[in-house]
Each structure stands twice: as C-alpha cells, then as structure tokens.
Amino acid sequence: MGYAEGKLPEETTTIGKHPGQRPSPLGIASRVDGETALAIKDEVPEANYHYRSRLSIVKRPESTDSAVGNIAVVAAGTPNLTVAKEVFLVAQALGNQTELDVGVGVA
C-alpha cells in the first residue's frame, strides 16, 4: 500500500500486490478516504481504518516488529491531532513503544 490521496480505490488496493508472492506482513496506506478504506477492507479483511488520521493499517500475525525505539508524539492541541495520530499509529505499527500527548499548547 502507500499514499492513497488522488488515487482511485482500486489503484490503492493493487499497490503492493505481486502475483505469486506472499502478501507483506505490514501494509500502511496514508491519506485514505472512506470509499478507499472500504475497498481496502474488502481486499484485506484484517485491515484497520483510522478515520481521524486517514490511515489504513494491515498488520498480519506473521509480521515481526523490527523497530525497538521509544517515541513520544507531542502536539499542541486538536488542530494538529490528525498528523500527530498518523505519526503515532505508524510508529506503533513498526513496533515502537509510543506515547501520544496532544495537550502541549501555548496559551
């Protein structure tokens, strides 16, 4: 999968497919709209769609977590929540210990 914005749902679902090969244990599609999320879910039932971050993640049981870091995602309130949540979920899908704090605003 990959960057979905500007692509048709069927274009997004074919990214990463290689005839005769096993599917990747981890797939991430970013900037996914609702229609594309449904198309991904039809193709890959284990896909999880995160509406706020517009992210679709497929993490199959055979995937191994290669990253081993600790990552804090810090944002200054809800205007930044979409991008902060996207970063948080990708870091988490890659196997990192993650923490999200969106209350770091300046008054």
Protein backbone atom coordinates (compact mmCIF):
# COMPACT_ATOMS: atom_id res chain seq x y z
CA MET A 1 0.00 0.00 0.00
CA GLY A 2 1.13 3.60 0.02
CA TYR A 3 -0.04 7.17 -0.45
CA ALA A 4 -3.74 6.99 -1.41
CA GLU A 5 -4.70 10.63 -1.93
CA GLY A 6 -5.57 11.32 -5.55
CA LYS A 7 -5.76 7.62 -6.41
CA LEU A 8 -8.86 5.59 -7.21
CA PRO A 9 -9.75 2.97 -4.56
CA GLU A 10 -8.79 0.12 -6.92
CA GLU A 11 -5.41 1.75 -7.60
CA THR A 12 -4.67 1.89 -3.88
CA THR A 13 -5.68 -1.73 -3.28
CA THR A 14 -3.37 -3.01 -6.05
CA ILE A 15 -0.26 -1.28 -4.69
CA GLY A 16 1.95 -3.89 -3.10
CA LYS A 17 0.33 -6.85 -4.83
CA HIS A 18 2.79 -9.07 -6.64
CA PRO A 19 1.44 -12.18 -8.39
CA GLY A 20 2.83 -15.37 -6.93
CA GLN A 21 4.26 -13.70 -3.82
CA ARG A 22 3.00 -13.77 -0.26
CA PRO A 23 1.42 -10.55 0.96
CA SER A 24 3.60 -8.25 3.02
CA PRO A 25 3.21 -8.72 6.79
CA LEU A 26 2.76 -4.95 7.23
CA GLY A 27 0.90 -2.59 4.95
CA ILE A 28 0.21 1.09 5.54
CA ALA A 29 -1.87 3.38 3.33
CA SER A 30 -1.97 7.08 4.17
CA ARG A 31 -4.46 9.82 3.22
CA VAL A 32 -7.23 7.23 2.82
CA ASP A 33 -10.81 8.40 2.31
CA GLY A 34 -13.87 6.41 3.36
CA GLU A 35 -14.50 4.83 -0.04
CA THR A 36 -10.89 3.66 -0.32
CA ALA A 37 -10.98 2.33 3.26
CA LEU A 38 -13.95 0.14 2.33
CA ALA A 39 -12.15 -1.11 -0.79
CA ILE A 40 -9.08 -1.99 1.27
CA LYS A 41 -11.24 -3.77 3.84
CA ASP A 42 -12.91 -5.79 1.06
CA GLU A 43 -9.49 -6.88 -0.25
CA VAL A 44 -7.83 -7.34 3.14
CA PRO A 45 -10.36 -8.07 5.93
CA GLU A 46 -7.75 -7.65 8.68
CA ALA A 47 -7.13 -4.01 7.68
CA ASN A 48 -7.87 -1.39 10.33
CA TYR A 49 -9.00 2.07 9.25
CA HIS A 50 -8.32 5.05 11.49
CA TYR A 51 -10.73 7.80 10.46
CA ARG A 52 -9.09 10.73 12.25
CA SER A 53 -5.64 10.06 10.81
CA ARG A 54 -6.94 8.80 7.43
CA LEU A 55 -4.68 5.77 7.80
CA SER A 56 -5.31 2.14 6.92
CA ILE A 57 -3.01 -0.40 8.55
CA VAL A 58 -2.67 -4.11 7.87
CA LYS A 59 -0.52 -5.94 10.38
CA ARG A 60 -0.65 -9.66 9.87
CA PRO A 61 0.18 -12.10 12.68
CA GLU A 62 3.41 -13.21 10.99
CA SER A 63 4.80 -9.68 11.00
CA THR A 64 7.83 -9.05 13.14
CA ASP A 65 8.45 -5.78 14.87
CA SER A 66 11.82 -4.56 13.65
CA ALA A 67 11.90 -1.22 15.45
CA VAL A 68 12.63 -1.12 19.15
CA GLY A 69 12.53 2.57 20.00
CA ASN A 70 10.57 4.71 22.40
CA ILE A 71 8.77 7.56 20.65
CA ALA A 72 6.76 10.40 22.13
CA VAL A 73 4.49 12.23 19.71
CA VAL A 74 3.74 15.69 21.06
CA ALA A 75 1.20 18.11 19.58
CA ALA A 76 -0.21 21.49 20.51
CA GLY A 77 -3.89 20.63 20.73
CA THR A 78 -6.56 19.28 18.42
CA PRO A 79 -5.65 21.24 15.25
CA ASN A 80 -2.56 19.03 15.00
CA LEU A 81 -4.28 15.81 16.06
CA THR A 82 -4.70 14.37 12.54
CA VAL A 83 -0.98 14.39 11.76
CA ALA A 84 0.04 13.52 15.32
CA LYS A 85 -2.25 10.47 15.29
CA GLU A 86 -0.86 9.40 11.90
CA VAL A 87 2.72 9.56 13.20
CA PHE A 88 1.72 7.75 16.41
CA LEU A 89 -0.01 4.88 14.56
CA VAL A 90 2.79 4.38 12.01
CA ALA A 91 5.45 4.34 14.74
CA GLN A 92 3.35 1.87 16.71
CA ALA A 93 2.75 -0.37 13.66
CA LEU A 94 6.51 -0.50 13.14
CA GLY A 95 6.94 -1.94 16.63
CA ASN A 96 7.96 1.09 18.65
CA GLN A 97 6.74 1.90 22.13
CA THR A 98 4.70 5.05 21.54
CA GLU A 99 3.02 7.74 23.58
CA LEU A 100 0.72 10.49 22.30
CA ASP A 101 0.33 13.81 24.12
CA VAL A 102 -1.84 16.45 22.45
CA GLY A 103 -2.12 18.82 25.38
CA VAL A 104 1.11 20.73 24.87
CA GLY A 105 -0.37 24.03 23.76
CA VAL A 106 0.83 27.53 24.44
CA ALA A 107 -1.76 29.85 25.95
